[in-house]
C-alpha atoms as a PDB file:
ATOM      1  CA  MET A   1     -33.597  14.492  -3.079  1.00  0.00           C
ATOM      2  CA  THR A   2     -32.325  11.473  -1.036  1.00  0.00           C
ATOM      3  CA  LYS A   3     -30.418  12.150   1.992  1.00  0.00           C
ATOM      4  CA  SER A   4     -27.235  11.306   0.262  1.00  0.00           C
ATOM      5  CA  THR A   5     -27.439  13.389  -2.255  1.00  0.00           C
ATOM      6  CA  SER A   6     -28.296  16.658  -0.050  1.00  0.00           C
ATOM      7  CA  SER A   7     -24.876  15.727   1.927  1.00  0.00           C
ATOM      8  CA  ALA A   8     -22.560  15.139  -1.191  1.00  0.00           C
ATOM      9  CA  ARG A   9     -19.845  17.408  -0.695  1.00  0.00           C
ATOM     10  CA  PHE A  10     -16.389  16.503  -2.743  1.00  0.00           C
ATOM     11  CA  ASP A  11     -13.616  17.394   0.006  1.00  0.00           C
ATOM     12  CA  GLU A  12     -10.119  17.840  -1.254  1.00  0.00           C
ATOM     13  CA  LEU A  13      -8.499  17.045   2.065  1.00  0.00           C
ATOM     14  CA  ILE A  14      -9.964  13.507   1.904  1.00  0.00           C
ATOM     15  CA  HIS A  15      -9.846  13.285  -1.835  1.00  0.00           C
ATOM     16  CA  ALA A  16      -6.150  12.439  -1.465  1.00  0.00           C
ATOM     17  CA  PRO A  17      -5.488   8.901  -2.508  1.00  0.00           C
ATOM     18  CA  LEU A  18      -3.896   8.088   0.568  1.00  0.00           C
ATOM     19  CA  ARG A  19      -6.338   9.929   3.152  1.00  0.00           C
ATOM     20  CA  LEU A  20      -9.145   8.155   1.054  1.00  0.00           C
ATOM     21  CA  ARG A  21      -7.692   4.770   1.608  1.00  0.00           C
ATOM     22  CA  ILE A  22      -7.408   5.867   5.456  1.00  0.00           C
ATOM     23  CA  CYS A  23     -10.904   6.661   5.719  1.00  0.00           C
ATOM     24  CA  ALA A  24     -12.562   3.936   3.583  1.00  0.00           C
ATOM     25  CA  SER A  25     -10.304   1.811   5.962  1.00  0.00           C
ATOM     26  CA  LEU A  26     -11.869   3.340   9.011  1.00  0.00           C
ATOM     27  CA  ALA A  27     -15.436   3.631   7.959  1.00  0.00           C
ATOM     28  CA  PRO A  28     -16.556   0.111   8.741  1.00  0.00           C
ATOM     29  CA  VAL A  29     -14.697  -0.456  12.206  1.00  0.00           C
ATOM     30  CA  GLN A  30     -14.789   1.866  15.483  1.00  0.00           C
ATOM     31  CA  TRP A  31     -11.169   2.113  15.422  1.00  0.00           C
ATOM     32  CA  ALA A  32      -7.986   0.498  14.005  1.00  0.00           C
ATOM     33  CA  GLU A  33      -4.222   0.181  15.340  1.00  0.00           C
ATOM     34  CA  PHE A  34      -1.785   2.161  13.774  1.00  0.00           C
ATOM     35  CA  THR A  35      -0.108  -0.924  12.938  1.00  0.00           C
ATOM     36  CA  HIS A  36      -2.809  -2.620  11.130  1.00  0.00           C
ATOM     37  CA  LEU A  37      -3.663   0.565   8.701  1.00  0.00           C
ATOM     38  CA  LYS A  38       0.407   0.987   7.876  1.00  0.00           C
ATOM     39  CA  GLN A  39       0.374  -2.855   6.742  1.00  0.00           C
ATOM     40  CA  ILE A  40      -2.954  -3.133   4.700  1.00  0.00           C
ATOM     41  CA  LEU A  41      -1.838   0.693   3.195  1.00  0.00           C
ATOM     42  CA  GLY A  42       1.564  -0.600   2.327  1.00  0.00           C
ATOM     43  CA  VAL A  43       3.314   2.682   3.736  1.00  0.00           C
ATOM     44  CA  THR A  44       5.948   3.495   6.247  1.00  0.00           C
ATOM     45  CA  ASP A  45       5.564   4.946   9.988  1.00  0.00           C
ATOM     46  CA  SER A  46       6.206   8.475   8.715  1.00  0.00           C
ATOM     47  CA  VAL A  47       3.856   8.454   5.884  1.00  0.00           C
ATOM     48  CA  LEU A  48       0.952   7.574   7.486  1.00  0.00           C
ATOM     49  CA  SER A  49       1.801   9.751  10.265  1.00  0.00           C
ATOM     50  CA  LYS A  50       2.013  12.832   8.179  1.00  0.00           C
ATOM     51  CA  HIS A  51      -1.924  12.071   6.646  1.00  0.00           C
ATOM     52  CA  LEU A  52      -3.277  11.249   9.881  1.00  0.00           C
ATOM     53  CA  LYS A  53      -2.081  14.675  11.290  1.00  0.00           C
ATOM     54  CA  GLN A  54      -3.378  16.284   8.410  1.00  0.00           C
ATOM     55  CA  LEU A  55      -6.824  14.163   8.998  1.00  0.00           C
ATOM     56  CA  SER A  56      -6.635  15.049  12.666  1.00  0.00           C
ATOM     57  CA  ASP A  57      -6.155  18.869  12.504  1.00  0.00           C
ATOM     58  CA  ALA A  58      -9.442  18.793  10.468  1.00  0.00           C
ATOM     59  CA  GLY A  59     -11.089  17.130  13.110  1.00  0.00           C
ATOM     60  CA  TYR A  60     -11.744  14.018  11.043  1.00  0.00           C
ATOM     61  CA  VAL A  61      -9.984  11.509  12.809  1.00  0.00           C
ATOM     62  CA  GLN A  62      -8.992  10.737  16.451  1.00  0.00           C
ATOM     63  CA  VAL A  63      -5.436   9.396  17.582  1.00  0.00           C
ATOM     64  CA  GLU A  64      -5.192   7.577  20.875  1.00  0.00           C
ATOM     65  CA  ARG A  65      -2.320   5.877  22.535  1.00  0.00           C
ATOM     66  CA  PHE A  66      -2.683   3.142  24.791  1.00  0.00           C
ATOM     67  CA  THR A  67      -0.553   0.290  26.644  1.00  0.00           C
ATOM     68  CA  LYS A  68      -1.326  -3.194  25.816  1.00  0.00           C
ATOM     69  CA  LEU A  69       0.814  -5.977  27.534  1.00  0.00           C
ATOM     70  CA  GLY A  70       3.454  -3.228  28.466  1.00  0.00           C
ATOM     71  CA  ARG A  71       3.984  -1.996  25.091  1.00  0.00           C
ATOM     72  CA  SER A  72       2.499   1.527  23.640  1.00  0.00           C
ATOM     73  CA  HIS A  73       0.269   1.204  20.764  1.00  0.00           C
ATOM     74  CA  MET A  74      -1.777   3.699  19.104  1.00  0.00           C
ATOM     75  CA  ARG A  75      -5.315   3.618  17.495  1.00  0.00           C
ATOM     76  CA  VAL A  76      -7.312   5.752  15.091  1.00  0.00           C
ATOM     77  CA  SER A  77     -11.035   6.159  14.679  1.00  0.00           C
ATOM     78  CA  LEU A  78     -13.045   8.496  12.440  1.00  0.00           C
ATOM     79  CA  THR A  79     -14.861  11.308  14.503  1.00  0.00           C
ATOM     80  CA  THR A  80     -18.556  11.824  13.915  1.00  0.00           C
ATOM     81  CA  SER A  81     -17.114  14.968  11.481  1.00  0.00           C
ATOM     82  CA  GLY A  82     -14.956  12.741   9.630  1.00  0.00           C
ATOM     83  CA  ARG A  83     -17.508   9.973   8.915  1.00  0.00           C
ATOM     84  CA  ARG A  84     -19.906  12.708   7.837  1.00  0.00           C
ATOM     85  CA  ALA A  85     -17.012  14.258   5.526  1.00  0.00           C
ATOM     86  CA  TYR A  86     -16.187  10.487   4.305  1.00  0.00           C
ATOM     87  CA  VAL A  87     -19.699   9.816   3.412  1.00  0.00           C
ATOM     88  CA  GLY A  88     -20.538  13.144   1.613  1.00  0.00           C
ATOM     89  CA  HIS A  89     -17.148  12.827  -0.150  1.00  0.00           C
ATOM     90  CA  VAL A  90     -18.317   9.370  -1.587  1.00  0.00           C
ATOM     91  CA  ALA A  91     -21.848  10.637  -2.328  1.00  0.00           C
ATOM     92  CA  ALA A  92     -20.166  13.518  -4.331  1.00  0.00           C
ATOM     93  CA  LEU A  93     -17.832  10.976  -6.283  1.00  0.00           C
ATOM     94  CA  GLN A  94     -21.039   8.851  -7.038  1.00  0.00           C
ATOM     95  CA  GLU A  95     -22.356  12.006  -8.308  1.00  0.00           C
ATOM     96  CA  ILE A  96     -19.752  12.789 -10.488  1.00  0.00           C
ATOM     97  CA  THR A  97     -19.348   9.282 -12.018  1.00  0.00           C
ATOM     98  CA  VAL A  98     -22.836   7.908 -12.255  1.00  0.00           C
ATOM     99  CA  GLY A  99     -24.925  11.304 -12.296  1.00  0.00           C
ATOM    100  CA  LYS A 100     -28.008  12.797 -10.296  1.00  0.00           C
END
């Protein structure tokens, strides 16, 4: 059994389409600014905030506020457990679609 197979775990929270896209957008980067995520996902502030709160409450993302050029900004990153859950979810989807 390969490592990805043993860690495959379907995650209901991540599986929601927008939350899956959020995790997929964050997976290859250290962090992303809220405005950038909002733009690439094509959603409103309130929709993105709602989904980020659900991911944050589960410990999957970390939201950090900071000031840049005198303006308040927010950046988001996957936590270690969030990255592990995302990778496991993708592995579970691969098992479902391709087979073991």
